[in-house]
mmCIF file of all heavy atoms, coordinates in Angstrom:
data_MODEL
# 
_entry.id   MODEL 
# 
loop_
_atom_site.group_PDB 
_atom_site.id 
_atom_site.type_symbol 
_atom_site.label_atom_id 
_atom_site.label_alt_id 
_atom_site.label_comp_id 
_atom_site.label_asym_id 
_atom_site.label_entity_id 
_atom_site.label_seq_id 
_atom_site.pdbx_PDB_ins_code 
_atom_site.Cartn_x 
_atom_site.Cartn_y 
_atom_site.Cartn_z 
_atom_site.occupancy 
_atom_site.B_iso_or_equiv 
_atom_site.pdbx_formal_charge 
_atom_site.auth_seq_id 
_atom_site.auth_comp_id 
_atom_site.auth_asym_id 
_atom_site.auth_atom_id 
_atom_site.pdbx_PDB_model_num 
ATOM 1   N N   . TRP A 1 1  ? 7.910   0.776  -1.308  1.00 0.00 ? 1  TRP A N   1 
ATOM 2   C CA  . TRP A 1 1  ? 9.235   1.304  -0.885  1.00 0.00 ? 1  TRP A CA  1 
ATOM 3   C C   . TRP A 1 1  ? 9.088   2.179  0.353   1.00 0.00 ? 1  TRP A C   1 
ATOM 4   O O   . TRP A 1 1  ? 9.882   2.048  1.305   1.00 0.00 ? 1  TRP A O   1 
ATOM 5   C CB  . TRP A 1 1  ? 9.849   2.104  -2.023  1.00 0.00 ? 1  TRP A CB  1 
ATOM 6   C CG  . TRP A 1 1  ? 11.024  2.896  -1.589  1.00 0.00 ? 1  TRP A CG  1 
ATOM 7   C CD1 . TRP A 1 1  ? 12.290  2.471  -1.328  1.00 0.00 ? 1  TRP A CD1 1 
ATOM 8   C CD2 . TRP A 1 1  ? 11.022  4.318  -1.357  1.00 0.00 ? 1  TRP A CD2 1 
ATOM 9   N NE1 . TRP A 1 1  ? 13.075  3.509  -0.943  1.00 0.00 ? 1  TRP A NE1 1 
ATOM 10  C CE2 . TRP A 1 1  ? 12.338  4.642  -0.950  1.00 0.00 ? 1  TRP A CE2 1 
ATOM 11  C CE3 . TRP A 1 1  ? 10.082  5.317  -1.460  1.00 0.00 ? 1  TRP A CE3 1 
ATOM 12  C CZ2 . TRP A 1 1  ? 12.700  5.964  -0.631  1.00 0.00 ? 1  TRP A CZ2 1 
ATOM 13  C CZ3 . TRP A 1 1  ? 10.437  6.638  -1.156  1.00 0.00 ? 1  TRP A CZ3 1 
ATOM 14  C CH2 . TRP A 1 1  ? 11.730  6.933  -0.745  1.00 0.00 ? 1  TRP A CH2 1 
ATOM 15  N N   . ILE A 1 2  ? 8.086   3.029  0.394   1.00 0.00 ? 2  ILE A N   1 
ATOM 16  C CA  . ILE A 1 2  ? 7.842   3.879  1.550   1.00 0.00 ? 2  ILE A CA  1 
ATOM 17  C C   . ILE A 1 2  ? 7.658   3.085  2.802   1.00 0.00 ? 2  ILE A C   1 
ATOM 18  O O   . ILE A 1 2  ? 8.238   3.375  3.868   1.00 0.00 ? 2  ILE A O   1 
ATOM 19  C CB  . ILE A 1 2  ? 6.600   4.794  1.325   1.00 0.00 ? 2  ILE A CB  1 
ATOM 20  C CG1 . ILE A 1 2  ? 6.922   5.915  0.318   1.00 0.00 ? 2  ILE A CG1 1 
ATOM 21  C CG2 . ILE A 1 2  ? 6.136   5.405  2.622   1.00 0.00 ? 2  ILE A CG2 1 
ATOM 22  C CD1 . ILE A 1 2  ? 5.656   6.681  -0.111  1.00 0.00 ? 2  ILE A CD1 1 
ATOM 23  N N   . ARG A 1 3  ? 6.845   2.063  2.694   1.00 0.00 ? 3  ARG A N   1 
ATOM 24  C CA  . ARG A 1 3  ? 6.552   1.229  3.860   1.00 0.00 ? 3  ARG A CA  1 
ATOM 25  C C   . ARG A 1 3  ? 7.823   0.609  4.452   1.00 0.00 ? 3  ARG A C   1 
ATOM 26  O O   . ARG A 1 3  ? 8.014   0.618  5.653   1.00 0.00 ? 3  ARG A O   1 
ATOM 27  C CB  . ARG A 1 3  ? 5.570   0.126  3.445   1.00 0.00 ? 3  ARG A CB  1 
ATOM 28  C CG  . ARG A 1 3  ? 5.286   -0.880 4.532   1.00 0.00 ? 3  ARG A CG  1 
ATOM 29  C CD  . ARG A 1 3  ? 4.705   -2.099 3.893   1.00 0.00 ? 3  ARG A CD  1 
ATOM 30  N NE  . ARG A 1 3  ? 4.433   -3.144 4.847   1.00 0.00 ? 3  ARG A NE  1 
ATOM 31  C CZ  . ARG A 1 3  ? 4.171   -4.389 4.499   1.00 0.00 ? 3  ARG A CZ  1 
ATOM 32  N NH1 . ARG A 1 3  ? 4.134   -4.710 3.217   1.00 0.00 ? 3  ARG A NH1 1 
ATOM 33  N NH2 . ARG A 1 3  ? 3.934   -5.304 5.423   1.00 0.00 ? 3  ARG A NH2 1 
ATOM 34  N N   . LYS A 1 4  ? 8.681   0.115  3.557   1.00 0.00 ? 4  LYS A N   1 
ATOM 35  C CA  . LYS A 1 4  ? 9.903   -0.551 4.020   1.00 0.00 ? 4  LYS A CA  1 
ATOM 36  C C   . LYS A 1 4  ? 10.945  0.481  4.490   1.00 0.00 ? 4  LYS A C   1 
ATOM 37  O O   . LYS A 1 4  ? 11.497  0.330  5.579   1.00 0.00 ? 4  LYS A O   1 
ATOM 38  C CB  . LYS A 1 4  ? 10.514  -1.370 2.862   1.00 0.00 ? 4  LYS A CB  1 
ATOM 39  C CG  . LYS A 1 4  ? 11.785  -2.103 3.261   1.00 0.00 ? 4  LYS A CG  1 
ATOM 40  C CD  . LYS A 1 4  ? 12.321  -2.900 2.063   1.00 0.00 ? 4  LYS A CD  1 
ATOM 41  C CE  . LYS A 1 4  ? 13.615  -3.607 2.425   1.00 0.00 ? 4  LYS A CE  1 
ATOM 42  N NZ  . LYS A 1 4  ? 14.186  -4.334 1.228   1.00 0.00 ? 4  LYS A NZ  1 
ATOM 43  N N   . ASP A 1 5  ? 11.160  1.534  3.729   1.00 0.00 ? 5  ASP A N   1 
ATOM 44  C CA  . ASP A 1 5  ? 12.225  2.505  4.011   1.00 0.00 ? 5  ASP A CA  1 
ATOM 45  C C   . ASP A 1 5  ? 11.902  3.346  5.244   1.00 0.00 ? 5  ASP A C   1 
ATOM 46  O O   . ASP A 1 5  ? 12.815  3.724  5.980   1.00 0.00 ? 5  ASP A O   1 
ATOM 47  C CB  . ASP A 1 5  ? 12.463  3.386  2.804   1.00 0.00 ? 5  ASP A CB  1 
ATOM 48  C CG  . ASP A 1 5  ? 13.935  3.678  2.585   1.00 0.00 ? 5  ASP A CG  1 
ATOM 49  O OD1 . ASP A 1 5  ? 14.709  2.734  2.499   1.00 0.00 ? 5  ASP A OD1 1 
ATOM 50  O OD2 . ASP A 1 5  ? 14.312  4.876  2.543   1.00 0.00 ? 5  ASP A OD2 1 
ATOM 51  N N   . PHE A 1 6  ? 10.624  3.694  5.438   1.00 0.00 ? 6  PHE A N   1 
ATOM 52  C CA  . PHE A 1 6  ? 10.251  4.536  6.571   1.00 0.00 ? 6  PHE A CA  1 
ATOM 53  C C   . PHE A 1 6  ? 9.695   3.737  7.739   1.00 0.00 ? 6  PHE A C   1 
ATOM 54  O O   . PHE A 1 6  ? 9.280   4.329  8.734   1.00 0.00 ? 6  PHE A O   1 
ATOM 55  C CB  . PHE A 1 6  ? 9.221   5.573  6.104   1.00 0.00 ? 6  PHE A CB  1 
ATOM 56  C CG  . PHE A 1 6  ? 9.804   6.669  5.244   1.00 0.00 ? 6  PHE A CG  1 
ATOM 57  C CD1 . PHE A 1 6  ? 9.898   6.505  3.866   1.00 0.00 ? 6  PHE A CD1 1 
ATOM 58  C CD2 . PHE A 1 6  ? 10.259  7.857  5.807   1.00 0.00 ? 6  PHE A CD2 1 
ATOM 59  C CE1 . PHE A 1 6  ? 10.414  7.508  3.089   1.00 0.00 ? 6  PHE A CE1 1 
ATOM 60  C CE2 . PHE A 1 6  ? 10.783  8.861  5.007   1.00 0.00 ? 6  PHE A CE2 1 
ATOM 61  C CZ  . PHE A 1 6  ? 10.889  8.692  3.651   1.00 0.00 ? 6  PHE A CZ  1 
ATOM 62  N N   . ASP A 1 7  ? 9.693   2.414  7.600   1.00 0.00 ? 7  ASP A N   1 
ATOM 63  C CA  . ASP A 1 7  ? 9.236   1.516  8.672   1.00 0.00 ? 7  ASP A CA  1 
ATOM 64  C C   . ASP A 1 7  ? 7.780   1.917  9.117   1.00 0.00 ? 7  ASP A C   1 
ATOM 65  O O   . ASP A 1 7  ? 7.557   2.162  10.268  1.00 0.00 ? 7  ASP A O   1 
ATOM 66  C CB  . ASP A 1 7  ? 10.191  1.549  9.861   1.00 0.00 ? 7  ASP A CB  1 
ATOM 67  C CG  . ASP A 1 7  ? 9.932   0.467  10.864  1.00 0.00 ? 7  ASP A CG  1 
ATOM 68  O OD1 . ASP A 1 7  ? 9.315   -0.575 10.481  1.00 0.00 ? 7  ASP A OD1 1 
ATOM 69  O OD2 . ASP A 1 7  ? 10.264  0.639  12.057  1.00 0.00 ? 7  ASP A OD2 1 
ATOM 70  N N   . LEU A 1 8  ? 6.907   1.933  8.139   1.00 0.00 ? 8  LEU A N   1 
ATOM 71  C CA  . LEU A 1 8  ? 5.544   2.424  8.386   1.00 0.00 ? 8  LEU A CA  1 
ATOM 72  C C   . LEU A 1 8  ? 4.514   1.309  8.350   1.00 0.00 ? 8  LEU A C   1 
ATOM 73  O O   . LEU A 1 8  ? 4.704   0.263  7.743   1.00 0.00 ? 8  LEU A O   1 
ATOM 74  C CB  . LEU A 1 8  ? 5.176   3.416  7.292   1.00 0.00 ? 8  LEU A CB  1 
ATOM 75  C CG  . LEU A 1 8  ? 5.761   4.804  7.336   1.00 0.00 ? 8  LEU A CG  1 
ATOM 76  C CD1 . LEU A 1 8  ? 5.349   5.555  6.085   1.00 0.00 ? 8  LEU A CD1 1 
ATOM 77  C CD2 . LEU A 1 8  ? 5.282   5.579  8.564   1.00 0.00 ? 8  LEU A CD2 1 
ATOM 78  N N   . SER A 1 9  ? 3.411   1.567  9.008   1.00 0.00 ? 9  SER A N   1 
ATOM 79  C CA  . SER A 1 9  ? 2.175   0.815  8.772   1.00 0.00 ? 9  SER A CA  1 
ATOM 80  C C   . SER A 1 9  ? 1.315   1.686  7.833   1.00 0.00 ? 9  SER A C   1 
ATOM 81  O O   . SER A 1 9  ? 1.318   2.916  7.970   1.00 0.00 ? 9  SER A O   1 
ATOM 82  C CB  . SER A 1 9  ? 1.422   0.560  10.069  1.00 0.00 ? 9  SER A CB  1 
ATOM 83  O OG  . SER A 1 9  ? 2.259   -0.081 10.980  1.00 0.00 ? 9  SER A OG  1 
ATOM 84  N N   . ILE A 1 10 ? 0.615   1.077  6.908   1.00 0.00 ? 10 ILE A N   1 
ATOM 85  C CA  . ILE A 1 10 ? -0.155  1.849  5.940   1.00 0.00 ? 10 ILE A CA  1 
ATOM 86  C C   . ILE A 1 10 ? -1.572  1.334  5.817   1.00 0.00 ? 10 ILE A C   1 
ATOM 87  O O   . ILE A 1 10 ? -1.805  0.114  5.735   1.00 0.00 ? 10 ILE A O   1 
ATOM 88  C CB  . ILE A 1 10 ? 0.534   1.808  4.536   1.00 0.00 ? 10 ILE A CB  1 
ATOM 89  C CG1 . ILE A 1 10 ? 1.907   2.483  4.603   1.00 0.00 ? 10 ILE A CG1 1 
ATOM 90  C CG2 . ILE A 1 10 ? -0.344  2.504  3.487   1.00 0.00 ? 10 ILE A CG2 1 
ATOM 91  C CD1 . ILE A 1 10 ? 2.678   2.416  3.290   1.00 0.00 ? 10 ILE A CD1 1 
ATOM 92  N N   . LEU A 1 11 ? -2.535  2.265  5.823   1.00 0.00 ? 11 LEU A N   1 
ATOM 93  C CA  . LEU A 1 11 ? -3.932  1.968  5.584   1.00 0.00 ? 11 LEU A CA  1 
ATOM 94  C C   . LEU A 1 11 ? -4.308  2.672  4.284   1.00 0.00 ? 11 LEU A C   1 
ATOM 95  O O   . LEU A 1 11 ? -4.074  3.870  4.134   1.00 0.00 ? 11 LEU A O   1 
ATOM 96  C CB  . LEU A 1 11 ? -4.797  2.437  6.738   1.00 0.00 ? 11 LEU A CB  1 
ATOM 97  C CG  . LEU A 1 11 ? -6.327  2.334  6.548   1.00 0.00 ? 11 LEU A CG  1 
ATOM 98  C CD1 . LEU A 1 11 ? -6.777  0.936  6.203   1.00 0.00 ? 11 LEU A CD1 1 
ATOM 99  C CD2 . LEU A 1 11 ? -7.039  2.849  7.801   1.00 0.00 ? 11 LEU A CD2 1 
ATOM 100 N N   . LEU A 1 12 ? -4.860  1.926  3.362   1.00 0.00 ? 12 LEU A N   1 
ATOM 101 C CA  . LEU A 1 12 ? -5.085  2.427  2.008   1.00 0.00 ? 12 LEU A CA  1 
ATOM 102 C C   . LEU A 1 12 ? -6.549  2.291  1.574   1.00 0.00 ? 12 LEU A C   1 
ATOM 103 O O   . LEU A 1 12 ? -7.126  1.201  1.659   1.00 0.00 ? 12 LEU A O   1 
ATOM 104 C CB  . LEU A 1 12 ? -4.184  1.635  1.038   1.00 0.00 ? 12 LEU A CB  1 
ATOM 105 C CG  . LEU A 1 12 ? -4.389  1.772  -0.463  1.00 0.00 ? 12 LEU A CG  1 
ATOM 106 C CD1 . LEU A 1 12 ? -3.856  3.125  -0.931  1.00 0.00 ? 12 LEU A CD1 1 
ATOM 107 C CD2 . LEU A 1 12 ? -3.670  0.642  -1.223  1.00 0.00 ? 12 LEU A CD2 1 
ATOM 108 N N   . ILE A 1 13 ? -7.144  3.399  1.119   1.00 0.00 ? 13 ILE A N   1 
ATOM 109 C CA  . ILE A 1 13 ? -8.415  3.336  0.387   1.00 0.00 ? 13 ILE A CA  1 
ATOM 110 C C   . ILE A 1 13 ? -8.082  3.480  -1.106  1.00 0.00 ? 13 ILE A C   1 
ATOM 111 O O   . ILE A 1 13 ? -7.323  4.374  -1.477  1.00 0.00 ? 13 ILE A O   1 
ATOM 112 C CB  . ILE A 1 13 ? -9.331  4.521  0.763   1.00 0.00 ? 13 ILE A CB  1 
ATOM 113 C CG1 . ILE A 1 13 ? -9.981  4.320  2.134   1.00 0.00 ? 13 ILE A CG1 1 
ATOM 114 C CG2 . ILE A 1 13 ? -10.473 4.657  -0.277  1.00 0.00 ? 13 ILE A CG2 1 
ATOM 115 C CD1 . ILE A 1 13 ? -10.896 5.475  2.535   1.00 0.00 ? 13 ILE A CD1 1 
ATOM 116 N N   . GLU A 1 14 ? -8.659  2.641  -1.920  1.00 0.00 ? 14 GLU A N   1 
ATOM 117 C CA  . GLU A 1 14 ? -8.367  2.756  -3.338  1.00 0.00 ? 14 GLU A CA  1 
ATOM 118 C C   . GLU A 1 14 ? -9.426  2.027  -4.164  1.00 0.00 ? 14 GLU A C   1 
ATOM 119 O O   . GLU A 1 14 ? -9.922  0.958  -3.766  1.00 0.00 ? 14 GLU A O   1 
ATOM 120 C CB  . GLU A 1 14 ? -7.001  2.167  -3.647  1.00 0.00 ? 14 GLU A CB  1 
ATOM 121 C CG  . GLU A 1 14 ? -6.499  2.356  -5.049  1.00 0.00 ? 14 GLU A CG  1 
ATOM 122 C CD  . GLU A 1 14 ? -6.593  3.792  -5.537  1.00 0.00 ? 14 GLU A CD  1 
ATOM 123 O OE1 . GLU A 1 14 ? -5.901  4.642  -4.974  1.00 0.00 ? 14 GLU A OE1 1 
ATOM 124 O OE2 . GLU A 1 14 ? -7.408  4.048  -6.459  1.00 0.00 ? 14 GLU A OE2 1 
ATOM 125 N N   . HIS A 1 15 ? -9.810  2.615  -5.305  1.00 0.00 ? 15 HIS A N   1 
ATOM 126 C CA  . HIS A 1 15 ? -10.749 1.982  -6.222  1.00 0.00 ? 15 HIS A CA  1 
ATOM 127 C C   . HIS A 1 15 ? -10.023 1.147  -7.269  1.00 0.00 ? 15 HIS A C   1 
ATOM 128 O O   . HIS A 1 15 ? -10.626 0.238  -7.873  1.00 0.00 ? 15 HIS A O   1 
ATOM 129 C CB  . HIS A 1 15 ? -11.608 3.032  -6.940  1.00 0.00 ? 15 HIS A CB  1 
ATOM 130 C CG  . HIS A 1 15 ? -12.751 3.504  -6.107  1.00 0.00 ? 15 HIS A CG  1 
ATOM 131 N ND1 . HIS A 1 15 ? -13.768 2.690  -5.665  1.00 0.00 ? 15 HIS A ND1 1 
ATOM 132 C CD2 . HIS A 1 15 ? -13.042 4.744  -5.590  1.00 0.00 ? 15 HIS A CD2 1 
ATOM 133 C CE1 . HIS A 1 15 ? -14.633 3.375  -4.956  1.00 0.00 ? 15 HIS A CE1 1 
ATOM 134 N NE2 . HIS A 1 15 ? -14.233 4.619  -4.885  1.00 0.00 ? 15 HIS A NE2 1 
ATOM 135 N N   . ASP A 1 16 ? -8.750  1.419  -7.509  1.00 0.00 ? 16 ASP A N   1 
ATOM 136 C CA  . ASP A 1 16 ? -7.983  0.685  -8.505  1.00 0.00 ? 16 ASP A CA  1 
ATOM 137 C C   . ASP A 1 16 ? -7.617  -0.698 -7.903  1.00 0.00 ? 16 ASP A C   1 
ATOM 138 O O   . ASP A 1 16 ? -6.695  -0.819 -7.094  1.00 0.00 ? 16 ASP A O   1 
ATOM 139 C CB  . ASP A 1 16 ? -6.719  1.460  -8.888  1.00 0.00 ? 16 ASP A CB  1 
ATOM 140 C CG  . ASP A 1 16 ? -6.003  0.860  -10.098 1.00 0.00 ? 16 ASP A CG  1 
ATOM 141 O OD1 . ASP A 1 16 ? -5.791  -0.360 -10.082 1.00 0.00 ? 16 ASP A OD1 1 
ATOM 142 O OD2 . ASP A 1 16 ? -5.679  1.612  -11.030 1.00 0.00 ? 16 ASP A OD2 1 
ATOM 143 N N   . MET A 1 17 ? -8.320  -1.716 -8.341  1.00 0.00 ? 17 MET A N   1 
ATOM 144 C CA  . MET A 1 17 ? -8.127  -3.052 -7.773  1.00 0.00 ? 17 MET A CA  1 
ATOM 145 C C   . MET A 1 17 ? -6.782  -3.642 -8.056  1.00 0.00 ? 17 MET A C   1 
ATOM 146 O O   . MET A 1 17 ? -6.245  -4.430 -7.266  1.00 0.00 ? 17 MET A O   1 
ATOM 147 C CB  . MET A 1 17 ? -9.236  -3.999 -8.252  1.00 0.00 ? 17 MET A CB  1 
ATOM 148 C CG  . MET A 1 17 ? -10.610 -3.722 -7.676  1.00 0.00 ? 17 MET A CG  1 
ATOM 149 S SD  . MET A 1 17 ? -10.645 -3.888 -5.864  1.00 0.00 ? 17 MET A SD  1 
ATOM 150 C CE  . MET A 1 17 ? -10.634 -2.173 -5.380  1.00 0.00 ? 17 MET A CE  1 
ATOM 151 N N   . SER A 1 18 ? -6.169  -3.274 -9.177  1.00 0.00 ? 18 SER A N   1 
ATOM 152 C CA  . SER A 1 18 ? -4.811  -3.771 -9.476  1.00 0.00 ? 18 SER A CA  1 
ATOM 153 C C   . SER A 1 18 ? -3.824  -3.283 -8.422  1.00 0.00 ? 18 SER A C   1 
ATOM 154 O O   . SER A 1 18 ? -2.925  -4.019 -7.983  1.00 0.00 ? 18 SER A O   1 
ATOM 155 C CB  . SER A 1 18 ? -4.350  -3.344 -10.844 1.00 0.00 ? 18 SER A CB  1 
ATOM 156 O OG  . SER A 1 18 ? -4.227  -1.951 -10.958 1.00 0.00 ? 18 SER A OG  1 
ATOM 157 N N   . LEU A 1 19 ? -4.002  -2.051 -7.963  1.00 0.00 ? 19 LEU A N   1 
ATOM 158 C CA  . LEU A 1 19 ? -3.139  -1.502 -6.919  1.00 0.00 ? 19 LEU A CA  1 
ATOM 159 C C   . LEU A 1 19 ? -3.407  -2.168 -5.572  1.00 0.00 ? 19 LEU A C   1 
ATOM 160 O O   . LEU A 1 19 ? -2.500  -2.594 -4.889  1.00 0.00 ? 19 LEU A O   1 
ATOM 161 C CB  . LEU A 1 19 ? -3.367  0.024  -6.820  1.00 0.00 ? 19 LEU A CB  1 
ATOM 162 C CG  . LEU A 1 19 ? -2.619  0.743  -5.684  1.00 0.00 ? 19 LEU A CG  1 
ATOM 163 C CD1 . LEU A 1 19 ? -1.114  0.616  -5.829  1.00 0.00 ? 19 LEU A CD1 1 
ATOM 164 C CD2 . LEU A 1 19 ? -3.000  2.216  -5.681  1.00 0.00 ? 19 LEU A CD2 1 
ATOM 165 N N   . VAL A 1 20 ? -4.681  -2.277 -5.222  1.00 0.00 ? 20 VAL A N   1 
ATOM 166 C CA  . VAL A 1 20 ? -5.047  -2.870 -3.934  1.00 0.00 ? 20 VAL A CA  1 
ATOM 167 C C   . VAL A 1 20 ? -4.555  -4.332 -3.850  1.00 0.00 ? 20 VAL A C   1 
ATOM 168 O O   . VAL A 1 20 ? -3.932  -4.718 -2.872  1.00 0.00 ? 20 VAL A O   1 
ATOM 169 C CB  . VAL A 1 20 ? -6.575  -2.827 -3.742  1.00 0.00 ? 20 VAL A CB  1 
ATOM 170 C CG1 . VAL A 1 20 ? -7.003  -3.610 -2.519  1.00 0.00 ? 20 VAL A CG1 1 
ATOM 171 C CG2 . VAL A 1 20 ? -7.056  -1.393 -3.644  1.00 0.00 ? 20 VAL A CG2 1 
ATOM 172 N N   . MET A 1 21 ? -4.850  -5.093 -4.894  1.00 0.00 ? 21 MET A N   1 
ATOM 173 C CA  . MET A 1 21 ? -4.456  -6.520 -4.883  1.00 0.00 ? 21 MET A CA  1 
ATOM 174 C C   . MET A 1 21 ? -2.940  -6.668 -4.956  1.00 0.00 ? 21 MET A C   1 
ATOM 175 O O   . MET A 1 21 ? -2.379  -7.668 -4.512  1.00 0.00 ? 21 MET A O   1 
ATOM 176 C CB  . MET A 1 21 ? -5.126  -7.246 -6.035  1.00 0.00 ? 21 MET A CB  1 
ATOM 177 C CG  . MET A 1 21 ? -6.655  -7.261 -5.959  1.00 0.00 ? 21 MET A CG  1 
ATOM 178 S SD  . MET A 1 21 ? -7.249  -8.233 -4.523  1.00 0.00 ? 21 MET A SD  1 
ATOM 179 C CE  . MET A 1 21 ? -9.029  -7.836 -4.593  1.00 0.00 ? 21 MET A CE  1 
ATOM 180 N N   . GLY A 1 22 ? -2.270  -5.665 -5.536  1.00 0.00 ? 22 GLY A N   1 
ATOM 181 C CA  . GLY A 1 22 ? -0.823  -5.761 -5.736  1.00 0.00 ? 22 GLY A CA  1 
ATOM 182 C C   . GLY A 1 22 ? 0.001   -5.449 -4.509  1.00 0.00 ? 22 GLY A C   1 
ATOM 183 O O   . GLY A 1 22 ? 1.113   -5.928 -4.376  1.00 0.00 ? 22 GLY A O   1 
ATOM 184 N N   . VAL A 1 23 ? -0.545  -4.600 -3.592  1.00 0.00 ? 23 VAL A N   1 
ATOM 185 C CA  . VAL A 1 23 ? 0.289   -4.161 -2.452  1.00 0.00 ? 23 VAL A CA  1 
ATOM 186 C C   . VAL A 1 23 ? -0.259  -4.561 -1.081  1.00 0.00 ? 23 VAL A C   1 
ATOM 187 O O   . VAL A 1 23 ? 0.518   -4.677 -0.122  1.00 0.00 ? 23 VAL A O   1 
ATOM 188 C CB  . VAL A 1 23 ? 0.518   -2.616 -2.468  1.00 0.00 ? 23 VAL A CB  1 
ATOM 189 C CG1 . VAL A 1 23 ? 1.227   -2.190 -3.715  1.00 0.00 ? 23 VAL A CG1 1 
ATOM 190 C CG2 . VAL A 1 23 ? -0.801  -1.855 -2.263  1.00 0.00 ? 23 VAL A CG2 1 
ATOM 191 N N   . CYS A 1 24 ? -1.563  -4.782 -0.977  1.00 0.00 ? 24 CYS A N   1 
ATOM 192 C CA  . CYS A 1 24 ? -2.163  -5.023 0.360   1.00 0.00 ? 24 CYS A CA  1 
ATOM 193 C C   . CYS A 1 24 ? -1.998  -6.454 0.822   1.00 0.00 ? 24 CYS A C   1 
ATOM 194 O O   . CYS A 1 24 ? -2.131  -7.397 0.029   1.00 0.00 ? 24 CYS A O   1 
ATOM 195 C CB  . CYS A 1 24 ? -3.644  -4.644 0.358   1.00 0.00 ? 24 CYS A CB  1 
ATOM 196 S SG  . CYS A 1 24 ? -3.932  -2.863 0.115   1.00 0.00 ? 24 CYS A SG  1 
# 
């Protein structure tokens, strides 16, 4: 939602693979 509503580019570090695979 943040990415769409604020018109952002996002770089994400994360160990939770469900999150990474779900949003990236």
